[in-house]
Protein backbone atom coordinates (compact mmCIF):
# COMPACT_ATOMS: atom_id res chain seq x y z
CA MET A 1 17.81 -9.66 -28.25
CA SER A 2 19.25 -12.98 -27.26
CA ALA A 3 18.67 -14.22 -23.71
CA GLU A 4 22.14 -15.83 -23.79
CA THR A 5 23.83 -12.45 -24.02
CA ARG A 6 22.12 -10.57 -21.20
CA SER A 7 21.34 -10.88 -17.54
CA GLY A 8 17.97 -9.19 -18.04
CA PRO A 9 16.26 -6.79 -20.43
CA LEU A 10 17.96 -3.49 -21.15
CA PRO A 11 16.54 -0.66 -19.03
CA VAL A 12 15.69 1.10 -22.34
CA ASN A 13 14.52 -1.04 -25.25
CA PRO A 14 13.69 -0.28 -28.87
CA PRO A 15 11.84 1.43 -30.33
CA VAL A 16 12.77 4.81 -28.87
CA SER A 17 11.68 8.14 -30.33
CA PRO A 18 14.72 10.43 -30.07
CA MET A 19 14.66 13.79 -28.33
CA LEU A 20 14.31 16.65 -30.84
CA ALA A 21 15.22 20.33 -31.14
CA LYS A 22 13.24 23.47 -31.84
CA LEU A 23 14.60 25.97 -34.35
CA ALA A 24 16.19 29.19 -33.08
CA ARG A 25 17.42 31.92 -35.41
CA GLU A 26 20.11 33.09 -32.97
CA LEU A 27 22.34 31.14 -30.64
CA PRO A 28 20.71 30.98 -27.18
CA ILE A 29 23.04 32.44 -24.58
CA GLY A 30 22.75 31.97 -20.86
CA PRO A 31 23.88 29.87 -17.94
CA GLY A 32 23.11 26.18 -17.93
CA LEU A 33 23.53 25.49 -21.65
CA SER A 34 25.86 23.08 -23.43
CA TYR A 35 26.65 23.54 -27.14
CA GLU A 36 27.52 20.96 -29.79
CA PRO A 37 28.01 20.93 -33.57
CA LYS A 38 24.86 19.85 -35.42
CA TRP A 39 25.64 16.78 -37.52
CA ASP A 40 24.04 16.26 -40.94
CA GLY A 41 23.33 12.54 -41.17
CA PHE A 42 20.89 9.85 -40.04
CA ARG A 43 19.77 10.12 -36.43
CA CYS A 44 20.41 6.79 -34.75
CA ILE A 45 19.95 5.26 -31.32
CA VAL A 46 22.32 2.35 -30.71
CA PHE A 47 21.26 -0.53 -28.43
CA ARG A 48 24.06 -2.84 -27.31
CA ASP A 49 23.09 -5.90 -25.30
CA GLY A 50 25.98 -8.33 -25.12
CA GLU A 51 26.90 -9.40 -28.63
CA ASN A 52 23.71 -7.91 -30.05
CA VAL A 53 23.94 -4.42 -31.58
CA GLU A 54 20.81 -2.79 -32.98
CA LEU A 55 20.68 0.57 -34.82
CA GLY A 56 17.34 2.37 -34.52
CA SER A 57 16.29 5.27 -36.75
CA ARG A 58 14.43 8.47 -35.91
CA SER A 59 11.29 6.85 -37.33
CA GLU A 60 11.84 3.93 -34.93
CA LYS A 61 12.83 1.51 -37.72
CA SER A 62 15.98 -0.60 -37.84
CA LEU A 63 19.02 0.71 -39.69
CA THR A 64 21.26 -2.24 -38.80
CA ARG A 65 21.14 -4.01 -42.17
CA TYR A 66 22.10 -0.80 -44.00
CA PHE A 67 25.22 -0.10 -41.92
CA PRO A 68 26.90 -3.46 -41.26
CA ASP A 69 30.27 -1.71 -41.12
CA LEU A 70 29.28 -0.02 -37.84
CA VAL A 71 28.18 -3.08 -35.90
CA GLU A 72 31.60 -4.39 -34.89
CA PRO A 73 33.13 -0.96 -34.12
CA LEU A 74 30.16 -0.13 -31.89
CA ARG A 75 30.38 -3.52 -30.20
CA SER A 76 34.03 -2.79 -29.45
CA ALA A 77 33.51 0.80 -28.30
CA LEU A 78 30.46 0.38 -26.06
CA PRO A 79 30.21 -1.46 -22.75
CA ASN A 80 28.29 -4.73 -22.66
CA ARG A 81 24.96 -3.02 -22.01
CA ALA A 82 24.33 0.53 -23.23
CA VAL A 83 21.93 2.72 -25.21
CA VAL A 84 23.50 5.70 -27.00
CA ASP A 85 21.97 8.48 -29.10
CA GLY A 86 23.92 9.88 -32.02
CA GLU A 87 24.21 10.38 -35.76
CA ILE A 88 25.41 8.16 -38.59
CA VAL A 89 27.49 10.15 -41.09
CA ILE A 90 29.75 9.55 -44.06
CA ALA A 91 32.85 11.74 -44.17
CA THR A 92 34.78 12.53 -47.35
CA ASP A 93 37.70 14.82 -48.13
CA ALA A 94 35.09 17.50 -48.94
CA GLY A 95 33.20 17.04 -45.66
CA LEU A 96 30.06 15.14 -44.71
CA ASP A 97 28.14 13.75 -47.68
CA PHE A 98 24.43 13.14 -47.15
CA ASP A 99 23.91 11.85 -50.70
CA LEU A 100 26.39 9.01 -50.15
CA LEU A 101 24.66 8.24 -46.87
CA SER A 102 21.27 8.05 -48.58
CA LEU A 103 22.56 5.51 -51.09
CA ARG A 104 22.96 3.03 -48.22
CA ILE A 105 19.19 2.59 -47.89
CA HIS A 106 19.05 -0.05 -50.60
CA PRO A 107 17.10 -3.32 -50.72
CA ALA A 108 20.01 -5.37 -52.12
CA LYS A 109 22.35 -6.72 -49.44
CA SER A 110 25.19 -7.02 -51.97
CA ARG A 111 24.83 -3.35 -52.88
CA VAL A 112 24.90 -2.31 -49.21
CA ALA A 113 28.01 -4.43 -48.63
CA MET A 114 29.79 -2.87 -51.60
CA LEU A 115 28.95 0.67 -50.47
CA ALA A 116 29.99 -0.15 -46.89
CA GLU A 117 33.44 -1.00 -48.23
CA GLN A 118 33.70 1.91 -50.67
CA THR A 119 32.24 4.65 -48.44
CA PRO A 120 32.35 3.46 -44.82
CA ALA A 121 30.13 5.20 -42.29
CA ALA A 122 30.93 6.69 -38.89
CA PHE A 123 28.87 7.10 -35.73
CA VAL A 124 29.00 10.31 -33.69
CA ALA A 125 27.64 9.89 -30.14
CA PHE A 126 26.04 12.81 -28.31
CA ASP A 127 23.77 11.42 -25.58
CA LEU A 128 23.47 8.43 -23.26
CA LEU A 129 20.11 6.87 -22.43
CA ALA A 130 21.25 3.80 -20.49
CA GLU A 131 24.37 2.17 -19.11
CA GLY A 132 24.36 -1.26 -17.52
CA ASP A 133 21.11 -1.49 -15.54
CA ASP A 134 20.77 2.31 -15.22
CA ASP A 135 17.99 4.08 -17.13
CA LEU A 136 19.42 7.59 -17.51
CA ARG A 137 16.54 9.28 -19.32
CA ALA A 138 15.37 11.08 -16.17
CA ALA A 139 18.90 12.20 -15.27
CA PRO A 140 20.02 15.73 -16.19
CA PHE A 141 21.99 16.08 -19.40
CA SER A 142 25.07 17.14 -17.42
CA GLU A 143 25.18 13.68 -15.81
CA ARG A 144 24.44 11.88 -19.07
CA ARG A 145 27.19 13.82 -20.84
CA ALA A 146 29.74 13.10 -18.10
CA ARG A 147 29.03 9.37 -18.27
CA LEU A 148 29.17 9.47 -22.08
CA VAL A 149 32.59 11.14 -21.97
CA SER A 150 33.79 8.48 -19.54
CA MET A 151 32.44 5.79 -21.87
CA LEU A 152 33.58 7.09 -25.28
CA GLY A 153 36.18 9.76 -24.57
CA SER A 154 38.91 7.52 -25.98
CA ALA A 155 36.82 5.76 -28.64
CA ALA A 156 38.54 4.90 -31.91
CA PRO A 157 37.23 5.73 -35.40
CA PRO A 158 34.72 5.17 -36.84
CA VAL A 159 33.06 5.79 -33.45
CA TYR A 160 33.36 9.37 -32.21
CA LEU A 161 32.25 11.50 -29.27
CA THR A 162 30.85 14.87 -30.37
CA PRO A 163 32.67 17.94 -29.07
CA ALA A 164 30.76 20.02 -26.51
CA THR A 165 31.33 23.34 -24.76
CA GLN A 166 29.56 25.66 -22.34
CA ASP A 167 31.29 28.69 -23.91
CA PRO A 168 28.85 30.49 -26.26
CA ALA A 169 31.71 32.34 -27.95
CA LEU A 170 33.33 29.05 -28.91
CA ALA A 171 29.97 27.70 -30.07
CA GLN A 172 29.54 30.76 -32.30
CA ASP A 173 33.00 30.12 -33.71
CA TRP A 174 32.03 26.51 -34.44
CA PHE A 175 28.88 27.75 -36.18
CA GLY A 176 30.90 29.54 -38.81
CA ARG A 177 34.12 27.53 -38.90
CA PHE A 178 32.72 24.02 -39.23
CA GLU A 179 30.16 24.68 -41.94
CA GLY A 180 32.73 23.89 -44.62
CA ALA A 181 32.98 20.39 -43.18
CA GLY A 182 29.31 19.85 -43.94
CA LEU A 183 27.93 20.44 -40.45
CA ASP A 184 24.43 21.82 -40.14
CA GLY A 185 24.83 24.43 -37.41
CA VAL A 186 24.93 24.29 -33.60
CA VAL A 187 22.69 22.60 -31.01
CA ALA A 188 22.15 24.03 -27.52
CA LYS A 189 21.09 21.66 -24.71
CA PRO A 190 19.94 22.64 -21.21
CA LEU A 191 22.30 20.97 -18.75
CA ASP A 192 19.48 20.23 -16.30
CA ALA A 193 17.10 18.71 -18.88
CA ALA A 194 15.97 15.09 -18.83
CA TYR A 195 15.88 13.05 -22.04
CA GLY A 196 12.38 13.72 -23.38
CA GLU A 197 11.48 11.17 -26.03
CA GLY A 198 9.93 12.88 -29.05
CA LYS A 199 9.99 16.27 -27.28
CA ARG A 200 11.69 19.39 -28.63
CA THR A 201 13.81 20.02 -25.56
CA MET A 202 16.94 21.24 -27.35
CA PHE A 203 17.56 24.28 -29.57
CA LYS A 204 19.12 24.17 -33.04
CA VAL A 205 20.63 27.13 -34.87
CA LYS A 206 21.08 26.47 -38.58
CA HIS A 207 22.73 28.42 -41.37
CA LEU A 208 20.27 30.49 -43.38
CA ARG A 209 20.88 32.38 -46.61
CA THR A 210 18.81 33.69 -49.49
CA ALA A 211 19.11 33.21 -53.24
CA ASP A 212 17.19 34.40 -56.27
CA CYS A 213 16.03 31.38 -58.27
CA VAL A 214 14.16 30.76 -61.50
CA VAL A 215 10.70 29.30 -60.90
CA ALA A 216 10.38 26.80 -63.75
CA GLY A 217 7.28 24.91 -62.60
CA PHE A 218 5.18 23.79 -59.67
CA ARG A 219 3.41 20.80 -58.16
CA ILE A 220 -0.19 20.77 -57.01
CA HIS A 221 -0.59 20.23 -53.27
CA LYS A 222 -1.34 16.67 -52.18
CA ASP A 223 -4.89 17.66 -51.20
CA GLY A 224 -5.48 18.80 -54.79
CA VAL A 225 -5.94 22.46 -53.91
CA GLY A 226 -3.38 25.12 -54.77
CA VAL A 227 0.39 24.98 -55.13
CA GLY A 228 2.25 22.43 -53.04
CA SER A 229 5.77 23.38 -54.13
CA LEU A 230 7.67 25.59 -56.54
CA LEU A 231 10.40 24.00 -58.68
CA LEU A 232 13.56 26.09 -58.51
CA GLY A 233 16.42 26.44 -60.97
CA LEU A 234 19.82 28.09 -61.26
CA TYR A 235 21.98 28.60 -64.35
CA ASP A 236 25.55 27.32 -64.55
CA ASP A 237 28.45 28.95 -66.44
CA HIS A 238 27.23 27.35 -69.68
CA SER A 239 23.71 28.82 -69.37
CA VAL A 240 22.20 25.42 -68.50
CA LEU A 241 19.29 25.63 -66.06
CA HIS A 242 19.66 23.06 -63.26
CA HIS A 243 16.91 21.92 -60.92
CA VAL A 244 18.24 22.85 -57.46
CA GLY A 245 15.29 21.99 -55.23
CA VAL A 246 11.83 23.15 -54.23
CA ALA A 247 10.16 25.75 -52.05
CA SER A 248 7.13 24.49 -50.13
CA SER A 249 5.26 24.55 -46.78
CA PHE A 250 2.77 27.21 -47.81
CA ALA A 251 -0.32 28.02 -45.76
CA ALA A 252 -3.61 26.93 -47.36
CA ALA A 253 -4.61 30.48 -48.34
CA ARG A 254 -1.18 31.15 -49.84
CA ARG A 255 -1.35 27.95 -51.90
CA ALA A 256 -4.46 29.22 -53.67
CA GLU A 257 -2.93 32.68 -54.17
CA LEU A 258 0.19 31.18 -55.74
CA LEU A 259 -1.88 29.16 -58.19
CA ASN A 260 -3.57 32.39 -59.36
CA GLU A 261 -0.22 34.17 -59.60
CA LEU A 262 1.27 31.38 -61.72
CA GLU A 263 -1.73 30.95 -64.03
CA PRO A 264 -0.70 33.62 -66.59
CA TYR A 265 2.66 31.87 -67.06
CA ARG A 266 1.27 28.42 -67.87
CA GLU A 267 0.21 29.20 -71.45
CA ARG A 268 2.71 27.80 -74.00
CA ALA A 269 5.00 26.97 -71.07
CA LEU A 270 6.62 23.95 -72.75
CA ALA A 271 7.67 25.91 -75.82
CA ASP A 272 11.44 26.28 -75.45
CA HIS A 273 11.26 25.12 -71.83
CA PRO A 274 14.68 23.73 -70.80
CA TRP A 275 13.01 20.90 -68.87
CA ALA A 276 10.46 20.01 -71.55
CA GLU A 277 11.56 16.39 -71.79
CA TRP A 278 10.99 15.90 -68.05
CA ALA A 279 7.37 16.98 -68.36
CA GLU A 280 6.55 13.87 -70.38
CA ALA A 281 5.30 10.88 -68.42
CA SER A 282 7.81 8.52 -70.02
CA ALA A 283 10.70 10.64 -68.78
CA HIS A 284 9.62 9.98 -65.19
CA GLU A 285 10.72 6.38 -65.59
CA THR A 286 14.36 7.23 -66.15
CA SER A 287 14.90 10.75 -64.84
CA ARG A 288 15.04 12.01 -61.27
CA MET A 289 14.67 15.63 -62.40
CA PRO A 290 12.27 17.06 -61.62
CA GLY A 291 9.56 14.39 -61.56
CA GLY A 292 11.35 11.09 -61.52
CA GLN A 293 10.32 8.26 -59.27
CA SER A 294 12.92 6.75 -56.97
CA ARG A 295 12.98 4.55 -53.90
CA TRP A 296 12.70 7.74 -51.80
CA THR A 297 9.38 8.86 -53.25
CA GLY A 298 7.35 5.86 -52.10
CA GLY A 299 5.30 5.92 -55.29
CA LYS A 300 4.10 9.49 -54.69
CA ASP A 301 2.83 11.46 -57.65
CA LEU A 302 5.67 13.81 -58.56
CA SER A 303 4.16 15.10 -61.79
CA TRP A 304 4.59 18.83 -62.26
CA GLU A 305 3.26 21.76 -64.23
CA PRO A 306 5.73 23.88 -66.20
CA VAL A 307 5.63 27.67 -66.35
CA ARG A 308 7.40 29.97 -68.77
CA ILE A 309 10.93 30.90 -67.75
CA GLU A 310 10.02 34.42 -66.71
CA LEU A 311 9.61 34.31 -62.93
CA VAL A 312 12.23 34.86 -60.23
CA ALA A 313 11.68 34.15 -56.54
CA GLU A 314 13.86 34.93 -53.56
CA VAL A 315 14.08 31.86 -51.32
CA ALA A 316 15.78 31.14 -48.00
CA TYR A 317 18.00 28.07 -47.84
CA GLU A 318 20.33 26.52 -45.31
CA HIS A 319 23.17 25.05 -47.36
CA LEU A 320 24.07 23.21 -50.55
CA GLN A 321 24.73 19.50 -50.99
CA GLY A 322 26.71 19.42 -54.21
CA ASP A 323 24.75 21.60 -56.63
CA ARG A 324 21.34 21.36 -54.92
CA PHE A 325 19.72 22.74 -51.79
CA ARG A 326 20.16 20.20 -49.02
CA HIS A 327 16.76 20.95 -47.45
CA THR A 328 13.50 22.41 -48.73
CA ALA A 329 13.84 26.13 -49.40
CA ARG A 330 11.35 28.71 -48.10
CA PHE A 331 9.69 31.22 -50.40
CA GLN A 332 10.36 34.83 -49.38
CA ARG A 333 9.01 37.03 -52.20
CA TRP A 334 8.79 37.49 -55.93
CA ARG A 335 11.61 39.46 -57.61
CA PRO A 336 9.94 41.01 -60.69
CA GLU A 337 12.93 43.27 -61.31
CA ARG A 338 15.30 40.30 -61.83
CA GLU A 339 15.91 38.61 -65.16
CA PRO A 340 15.86 34.79 -64.93
CA SER A 341 19.18 34.63 -66.78
CA SER A 342 20.80 36.47 -63.86
CA CYS A 343 19.94 33.63 -61.45
CA THR A 344 23.23 31.77 -61.45
CA TYR A 345 25.26 29.70 -59.01
CA ALA A 346 27.70 32.61 -58.79
CA GLN A 347 25.38 34.43 -56.36
CA LEU A 348 25.65 31.64 -53.79
CA GLU A 349 28.01 32.12 -50.89
CA SER A 350 31.00 29.81 -51.08
CA VAL A 351 31.91 28.14 -47.81
CA VAL A 352 35.58 27.44 -47.19
CA PRO A 353 36.03 23.71 -46.55
CA ALA A 354 37.09 22.70 -43.07
CA GLU A 355 38.65 19.38 -42.28
CA LEU A 356 36.61 17.08 -40.11
CA ARG A 357 39.54 16.36 -37.84
CA ASP A 358 39.31 20.02 -36.79
CA VAL A 359 35.79 19.31 -35.59
CA PHE A 360 36.73 16.29 -33.53
CA GLY A 361 39.73 18.11 -32.15
CA ALA A 362 37.56 20.99 -30.93
C-alpha cells in the first residue's frame, strides 16, 4: 500500500484468515446471538487504505484483479481507512449465481473486463475488523456490528450491508424464505465474541435434503486406496442421464468397503453406458463431464471408472445450482429396491424464487 495515501500502516493488514463457522443442523436459539442470511459467494476481506483497495480471499490470496468493478464502489462506500469482512456475489433475476462468479477467476484481463461489464458483482459486508486506527478484532461482535451499520447502513449498490436480527423466529423465516434467492442458509454469531481469525466461532445452518441418484461410476481416492468419490446422475424428461455431482468424504475403512461393493458392477460397464465417450482419455481434453480438466482442477487426475447403470444411492445435498448439486453430496445408503430409471429431477424439491431485494429489505 502506498505511503502517500496513509498516515501509517493499517491496524490490520493482509493477509487475514477470515473467521469461520461450524455446522449446526438446527438453528441455535438463546440469548446473545445475532442471525444473518448465509451468502453463497466468494468470501472476501476488503482493505481500504486511502486510494488503495485490496480484495483478499479466504485462502489469503488477492481477488482484486478478478473484480475490478468493485474497486471504485468500495472506495466510495468505505471510509479512508477500513478493513471489512464480507462476500462477493453475483445476483441475477433468478437469484445468486455461483457459476457466473466462478467464471471471473480467469487469467485473461480482457475476459475479466468483459465479464465485469456483462455480469457485475456485488459486495455484501457482514463484519468490521478495523476502522481508522482502531483494530476491532478483540472487540465483541455487537460493537463491530454497530460500527459497521454506522459505516455502511446507507451504502449504495453494489455495496450492501447484510441484514441481521436477534429474533430467532425471524431468522427461521429467513432460512426458508430466502433460499429461492440462492442463499445458503443462516449464520448465528455470538454477540460477545471477538473476531477469531481462522477459528470456527460462528454457527451455520444450511439446507439439507436427500435424493436418490444413479451411481454411474467412481474415482479412486487420491492415496490410491479405495473409492474417493461416487459419480452421481439423474435422468431428465427425455431419459438422458446427467452428471449432477459426486458423493465423497468417506472414512478410510468405508472407502475399501465401497470398492468391494462396486466390483461386481465393473464388468462390461462401458457397454451401453450413457457416459461411455467421457471414459476415453481424449474426451477429457474437451469435456468437463465427468472427467474433464479445467482451470479449477489444477491438473488433478480426474479419470474415473464406470459401473453398470444398476445402482441407486440415497445422498444428502444442500441445494442445486442450475441442474447440479452446488456442493459435494454425502452418501447415506444404497437403495436396492429402486430402479435407476426412476431417479429423475422430478423428485427434487422445487424452491420458490425470492427476489434479492426482499433479502436486503429484511
